[in-house]
Protein backbone atom coordinates (compact mmCIF):
# COMPACT_ATOMS: atom_id res chain seq x y z
CA UNK A 1 30.09 48.76 102.31
CA UNK A 2 30.06 45.43 104.18
CA UNK A 3 26.80 44.47 102.48
CA UNK A 4 28.38 44.96 99.04
CA UNK A 5 31.27 42.67 99.92
CA UNK A 6 28.95 39.95 101.20
CA UNK A 7 26.77 40.39 98.11
CA UNK A 8 29.78 40.02 95.80
CA UNK A 9 30.75 36.72 97.42
CA UNK A 10 27.39 35.10 96.68
CA UNK A 11 27.44 33.11 93.45
CA UNK A 12 24.68 33.97 90.99
CA UNK A 13 22.58 30.98 89.91
CA UNK A 14 21.58 32.50 86.58
CA UNK A 15 24.87 32.99 84.72
CA UNK A 16 26.39 29.66 83.69
CA UNK A 17 27.36 27.58 80.66
CA UNK A 18 27.97 23.91 79.89
CA UNK A 19 30.95 22.77 77.85
CA UNK A 20 32.52 19.55 76.53
CA UNK A 21 34.74 19.62 73.43
CA UNK A 22 32.41 20.65 70.54
CA UNK A 23 29.34 20.68 72.80
CA UNK A 24 28.86 24.17 74.24
CA UNK A 25 25.53 25.58 75.36
CA UNK A 26 23.68 27.60 77.95
CA UNK A 27 20.60 26.42 79.75
CA UNK A 28 17.85 28.12 81.69
CA UNK A 29 18.04 25.55 84.49
CA UNK A 30 20.37 22.85 85.79
CA UNK A 31 18.88 20.49 88.37
CA UNK A 32 20.30 17.83 90.67
CA UNK A 33 23.85 19.07 91.22
CA UNK A 34 24.46 17.18 94.43
CA UNK A 35 26.76 14.85 96.28
CA UNK A 36 25.35 12.13 98.49
CA UNK A 37 26.80 9.23 100.43
CA UNK A 38 24.65 6.28 101.38
CA UNK A 39 25.35 4.83 104.80
CA UNK A 40 24.50 1.63 106.57
CA UNK A 41 24.00 1.56 110.32
CA UNK A 42 25.55 -1.50 111.96
CA UNK A 43 24.82 -2.34 115.57
CA UNK A 44 27.53 -4.18 117.45
CA UNK A 45 26.51 -6.81 119.96
CA UNK A 46 26.91 -5.58 123.53
CA UNK A 47 27.32 -1.91 122.50
CA UNK A 48 24.10 -0.01 123.11
CA UNK A 49 25.22 3.63 123.18
CA UNK A 50 26.11 4.07 119.48
CA UNK A 51 25.99 2.45 116.04
CA UNK A 52 28.74 2.10 113.46
CA UNK A 53 28.21 4.03 110.23
CA UNK A 54 29.58 2.37 107.11
CA UNK A 55 29.63 3.90 103.64
CA UNK A 56 27.69 1.79 101.14
CA UNK A 57 28.35 1.62 97.42
CA UNK A 58 25.88 3.71 95.41
CA UNK A 59 22.60 1.88 94.79
CA UNK A 60 21.35 4.20 92.02
CA UNK A 61 22.90 6.30 89.28
CA UNK A 62 23.34 10.03 89.70
CA UNK A 63 21.35 12.23 87.33
CA UNK A 64 21.82 15.77 86.08
CA UNK A 65 19.02 17.58 84.23
CA UNK A 66 19.39 20.56 81.88
CA UNK A 67 16.43 22.61 80.68
CA UNK A 68 16.65 25.21 77.94
CA UNK A 69 14.57 26.92 75.30
CA UNK A 70 14.49 24.96 72.06
CA UNK A 71 16.67 26.94 69.62
CA UNK A 72 17.51 26.89 65.92
CA UNK A 73 20.62 24.86 66.81
CA UNK A 74 19.14 22.44 69.33
CA UNK A 75 21.63 20.67 71.56
CA UNK A 76 19.27 17.72 71.58
CA UNK A 77 20.28 16.84 68.01
CA UNK A 78 23.91 16.39 69.09
CA UNK A 79 22.95 14.61 72.29
CA UNK A 80 20.42 12.39 70.51
CA UNK A 81 23.30 10.86 68.56
CA UNK A 82 25.16 10.32 71.86
CA UNK A 83 22.13 8.86 73.68
CA UNK A 84 23.18 5.78 75.63
CA UNK A 85 26.88 6.20 74.79
CA UNK A 86 29.41 6.56 77.61
CA UNK A 87 31.44 9.80 77.37
CA UNK A 88 34.94 9.80 78.84
CA UNK A 89 35.65 13.50 78.27
CA UNK A 90 34.63 15.65 81.27
CA UNK A 91 31.58 17.86 80.97
CA UNK A 92 32.15 21.26 82.62
CA UNK A 93 29.62 23.62 84.15
CA UNK A 94 31.02 27.13 84.53
CA UNK A 95 29.43 29.64 86.91
CA UNK A 96 30.22 33.24 85.95
CA UNK A 97 30.14 36.46 87.94
CA UNK A 98 27.24 38.85 87.47
CA UNK A 99 28.92 40.56 84.50
CA UNK A 100 29.82 37.26 82.81
CA UNK A 101 33.46 38.30 82.54
CA UNK A 102 35.10 35.82 84.92
CA UNK A 103 34.48 32.25 86.06
CA UNK A 104 33.72 31.93 89.78
CA UNK A 105 33.28 28.16 90.02
CA UNK A 106 33.65 25.11 87.80
CA UNK A 107 32.03 21.70 88.22
CA UNK A 108 33.38 18.70 86.29
CA UNK A 109 31.08 15.80 85.51
CA UNK A 110 33.03 12.62 84.78
CA UNK A 111 31.83 9.38 83.18
CA UNK A 112 28.57 10.76 81.82
CA UNK A 113 26.00 9.48 79.38
CA UNK A 114 22.91 11.16 77.92
CA UNK A 115 19.97 8.98 78.98
CA UNK A 116 16.94 11.11 78.09
CA UNK A 117 16.04 13.94 75.74
CA UNK A 118 12.57 15.44 75.80
CA UNK A 119 10.61 18.31 74.28
CA UNK A 120 7.79 20.04 76.13
CA UNK A 121 4.25 19.55 74.90
CA UNK A 122 3.04 21.44 71.82
CA UNK A 123 0.04 23.52 72.86
CA UNK A 124 -1.22 26.32 70.59
CA UNK A 125 -3.42 27.78 73.33
CA UNK A 126 -0.59 28.03 75.87
CA UNK A 127 1.79 30.57 74.31
CA UNK A 128 4.85 29.22 76.17
CA UNK A 129 8.37 28.70 74.86
CA UNK A 130 9.23 25.20 73.65
CA UNK A 131 11.60 23.63 76.21
CA UNK A 132 14.06 20.81 75.61
CA UNK A 133 15.12 18.73 78.61
CA UNK A 134 18.34 16.76 78.63
CA UNK A 135 19.08 14.20 81.35
CA UNK A 136 22.54 12.78 81.95
CA UNK A 137 23.60 9.89 84.15
CA UNK A 138 27.10 10.36 85.55
CA UNK A 139 29.68 8.71 87.79
CA UNK A 140 31.39 11.58 89.62
CA UNK A 141 30.97 15.29 90.17
CA UNK A 142 33.99 17.36 91.19
CA UNK A 143 34.00 21.00 92.01
């Protein structure tokens, strides 16, 4: 019984969707959901037992990568038109429970811009599904 309760509290990483106004899709993979703070170590003269840690402004943009099977209604066509254009509306990533009936967690991506759209290689001898990759640069991630 205790194992079932612990199991139910673990979020599944396979049941999620991405949404922003008229842009709604599912993906097979979302990479680089992370928060990071860059710090600078400052040594103070005469103090040898510790260093001061100061938060630095970000030195590089944050990136989020979506991968999905190329479908008859490819998201890339919509995003291709938005490529390089700043989007002020938040992009939401919803994580659903195992049944898909309720939302367990939501991440909001603010100040985002599509910066790359890519299709996997065409290879007749491979037999793999065609994958489209969408990369977004963003300012903040809340969740």
